[in-house]
C-alpha atoms as a PDB file:
ATOM      1  CA  UNK A   1     106.991 165.035 110.142  1.00  0.00           C
ATOM      2  CA  UNK A   2     107.574 161.453 111.006  1.00  0.00           C
ATOM      3  CA  UNK A   3     108.547 160.094 114.445  1.00  0.00           C
ATOM      4  CA  UNK A   4     111.673 158.295 114.671  1.00  0.00           C
ATOM      5  CA  UNK A   5     111.798 155.223 116.790  1.00  0.00           C
ATOM      6  CA  UNK A   6     115.024 153.398 117.842  1.00  0.00           C
ATOM      7  CA  UNK A   7     114.836 149.781 118.625  1.00  0.00           C
ATOM      8  CA  UNK A   8     116.905 149.159 121.742  1.00  0.00           C
ATOM      9  CA  UNK A   9     119.556 146.542 121.195  1.00  0.00           C
ATOM     10  CA  UNK A  10     118.929 143.310 123.216  1.00  0.00           C
ATOM     11  CA  UNK A  11     121.952 142.406 125.319  1.00  0.00           C
ATOM     12  CA  UNK A  12     121.294 138.794 124.563  1.00  0.00           C
ATOM     13  CA  UNK A  13     120.932 136.992 121.262  1.00  0.00           C
ATOM     14  CA  UNK A  14     117.361 135.765 120.307  1.00  0.00           C
ATOM     15  CA  UNK A  15     118.442 132.107 120.852  1.00  0.00           C
ATOM     16  CA  UNK A  16     119.434 132.575 124.487  1.00  0.00           C
ATOM     17  CA  UNK A  17     116.170 134.493 124.996  1.00  0.00           C
ATOM     18  CA  UNK A  18     114.188 131.445 123.638  1.00  0.00           C
ATOM     19  CA  UNK A  19     116.044 129.241 126.216  1.00  0.00           C
ATOM     20  CA  UNK A  20     115.050 131.260 129.157  1.00  0.00           C
ATOM     21  CA  UNK A  21     112.242 129.808 131.232  1.00  0.00           C
ATOM     22  CA  UNK A  22     112.221 126.535 129.327  1.00  0.00           C
ATOM     23  CA  UNK A  23     110.968 123.727 131.731  1.00  0.00           C
ATOM     24  CA  UNK A  24     113.422 120.527 131.622  1.00  0.00           C
ATOM     25  CA  UNK A  25     112.425 117.037 132.417  1.00  0.00           C
ATOM     26  CA  UNK A  26     115.898 116.011 133.444  1.00  0.00           C
ATOM     27  CA  UNK A  27     119.479 117.167 132.673  1.00  0.00           C
ATOM     28  CA  UNK A  28     122.644 115.035 132.283  1.00  0.00           C
ATOM     29  CA  UNK A  29     126.315 115.845 132.499  1.00  0.00           C
ATOM     30  CA  UNK A  30     128.837 114.282 130.171  1.00  0.00           C
ATOM     31  CA  UNK A  31     131.949 112.898 131.550  1.00  0.00           C
ATOM     32  CA  UNK A  32     134.614 110.397 130.188  1.00  0.00           C
ATOM     33  CA  UNK A  33     133.145 107.651 132.112  1.00  0.00           C
ATOM     34  CA  UNK A  34     129.543 108.171 130.932  1.00  0.00           C
ATOM     35  CA  UNK A  35     126.592 110.472 131.694  1.00  0.00           C
ATOM     36  CA  UNK A  36     125.496 111.515 135.041  1.00  0.00           C
ATOM     37  CA  UNK A  37     121.925 112.720 135.921  1.00  0.00           C
ATOM     38  CA  UNK A  38     122.456 116.103 137.535  1.00  0.00           C
ATOM     39  CA  UNK A  39     118.739 116.592 138.232  1.00  0.00           C
ATOM     40  CA  UNK A  40     115.095 116.249 137.226  1.00  0.00           C
ATOM     41  CA  UNK A  41     112.234 118.773 136.928  1.00  0.00           C
ATOM     42  CA  UNK A  42     114.132 122.144 136.611  1.00  0.00           C
ATOM     43  CA  UNK A  43     113.939 125.383 134.721  1.00  0.00           C
ATOM     44  CA  UNK A  44     116.627 127.041 132.493  1.00  0.00           C
ATOM     45  CA  UNK A  45     117.212 130.745 133.726  1.00  0.00           C
ATOM     46  CA  UNK A  46     119.366 132.925 131.194  1.00  0.00           C
ATOM     47  CA  UNK A  47     118.020 136.214 132.225  1.00  0.00           C
ATOM     48  CA  UNK A  48     121.306 137.425 133.883  1.00  0.00           C
ATOM     49  CA  UNK A  49     124.977 137.342 132.544  1.00  0.00           C
ATOM     50  CA  UNK A  50     124.966 133.459 133.224  1.00  0.00           C
ATOM     51  CA  UNK A  51     122.812 130.506 132.362  1.00  0.00           C
ATOM     52  CA  UNK A  52     121.682 128.442 135.234  1.00  0.00           C
ATOM     53  CA  UNK A  53     119.548 125.240 135.836  1.00  0.00           C
ATOM     54  CA  UNK A  54     117.333 126.015 138.773  1.00  0.00           C
ATOM     55  CA  UNK A  55     115.455 123.239 140.553  1.00  0.00           C
ATOM     56  CA  UNK A  56     112.352 123.487 142.716  1.00  0.00           C
ATOM     57  CA  UNK A  57     114.422 123.186 145.986  1.00  0.00           C
ATOM     58  CA  UNK A  58     116.572 126.177 144.973  1.00  0.00           C
ATOM     59  CA  UNK A  59     119.747 124.252 144.024  1.00  0.00           C
ATOM     60  CA  UNK A  60     121.829 125.212 141.065  1.00  0.00           C
ATOM     61  CA  UNK A  61     123.934 122.271 139.940  1.00  0.00           C
ATOM     62  CA  UNK A  62     125.241 123.919 136.756  1.00  0.00           C
ATOM     63  CA  UNK A  63     125.810 127.677 135.970  1.00  0.00           C
ATOM     64  CA  UNK A  64     127.898 129.077 133.161  1.00  0.00           C
ATOM     65  CA  UNK A  65     128.744 132.589 131.817  1.00  0.00           C
ATOM     66  CA  UNK A  66     126.999 133.334 128.619  1.00  0.00           C
ATOM     67  CA  UNK A  67     130.353 134.510 127.193  1.00  0.00           C
ATOM     68  CA  UNK A  68     132.059 131.150 127.456  1.00  0.00           C
ATOM     69  CA  UNK A  69     128.788 128.968 126.480  1.00  0.00           C
ATOM     70  CA  UNK A  70     128.300 127.143 123.302  1.00  0.00           C
ATOM     71  CA  UNK A  71     124.875 125.514 122.666  1.00  0.00           C
ATOM     72  CA  UNK A  72     122.871 123.905 120.138  1.00  0.00           C
ATOM     73  CA  UNK A  73     119.408 122.384 119.991  1.00  0.00           C
ATOM     74  CA  UNK A  74     119.154 118.683 119.458  1.00  0.00           C
ATOM     75  CA  UNK A  75     117.963 117.397 116.113  1.00  0.00           C
ATOM     76  CA  UNK A  76     114.809 116.049 117.698  1.00  0.00           C
ATOM     77  CA  UNK A  77     113.888 119.423 118.881  1.00  0.00           C
ATOM     78  CA  UNK A  78     113.332 117.938 122.441  1.00  0.00           C
ATOM     79  CA  UNK A  79     116.354 119.363 124.078  1.00  0.00           C
ATOM     80  CA  UNK A  80     119.570 121.354 124.191  1.00  0.00           C
ATOM     81  CA  UNK A  81     123.271 120.731 124.317  1.00  0.00           C
ATOM     82  CA  UNK A  82     125.199 123.203 126.363  1.00  0.00           C
ATOM     83  CA  UNK A  83     129.060 123.226 126.697  1.00  0.00           C
ATOM     84  CA  UNK A  84     130.391 125.830 128.985  1.00  0.00           C
ATOM     85  CA  UNK A  85     132.832 126.674 131.952  1.00  0.00           C
ATOM     86  CA  UNK A  86     130.816 125.749 135.147  1.00  0.00           C
ATOM     87  CA  UNK A  87     131.037 128.408 137.637  1.00  0.00           C
ATOM     88  CA  UNK A  88     130.387 125.987 140.623  1.00  0.00           C
ATOM     89  CA  UNK A  89     133.142 123.489 139.955  1.00  0.00           C
ATOM     90  CA  UNK A  90     135.369 125.537 137.669  1.00  0.00           C
ATOM     91  CA  UNK A  91     135.708 122.958 135.112  1.00  0.00           C
ATOM     92  CA  UNK A  92     134.343 122.810 131.449  1.00  0.00           C
ATOM     93  CA  UNK A  93     131.334 120.521 131.058  1.00  0.00           C
ATOM     94  CA  UNK A  94     128.920 119.375 128.505  1.00  0.00           C
ATOM     95  CA  UNK A  95     125.288 119.207 129.644  1.00  0.00           C
ATOM     96  CA  UNK A  96     122.262 117.850 127.755  1.00  0.00           C
ATOM     97  CA  UNK A  97     118.925 118.990 129.025  1.00  0.00           C
ATOM     98  CA  UNK A  98     115.651 117.511 127.663  1.00  0.00           C
ATOM     99  CA  UNK A  99     112.506 119.796 127.435  1.00  0.00           C
ATOM    100  CA  UNK A 100     109.457 119.018 129.204  1.00  0.00           C
ATOM    101  CA  UNK A 101     106.978 117.808 126.628  1.00  0.00           C
ATOM    102  CA  UNK A 102     103.203 118.704 126.951  1.00  0.00           C
ATOM    103  CA  UNK A 103     100.534 116.801 124.806  1.00  0.00           C
END
């Protein structure tokens, strides 16, 4: 008699799980007038129902629900482009976050 194991379905896709905990050197928000730096030295937190950029001082300049978020890794593999409805401002923004690089 064999044992039957059922793998529990993850609530989040593997790509979002891979983003969770990534360290960011800096993040910029794209606007029609240009790019605005929203912060330096932060971490991506995607463990809840929303994706957040959390800085060391506790501030969260960008947070969007995973259901409205679209994202893709940059071709250089050194960052991610995220488009989503910002919970804080209520507007739809595109944010580019560059990963911290360790040698």
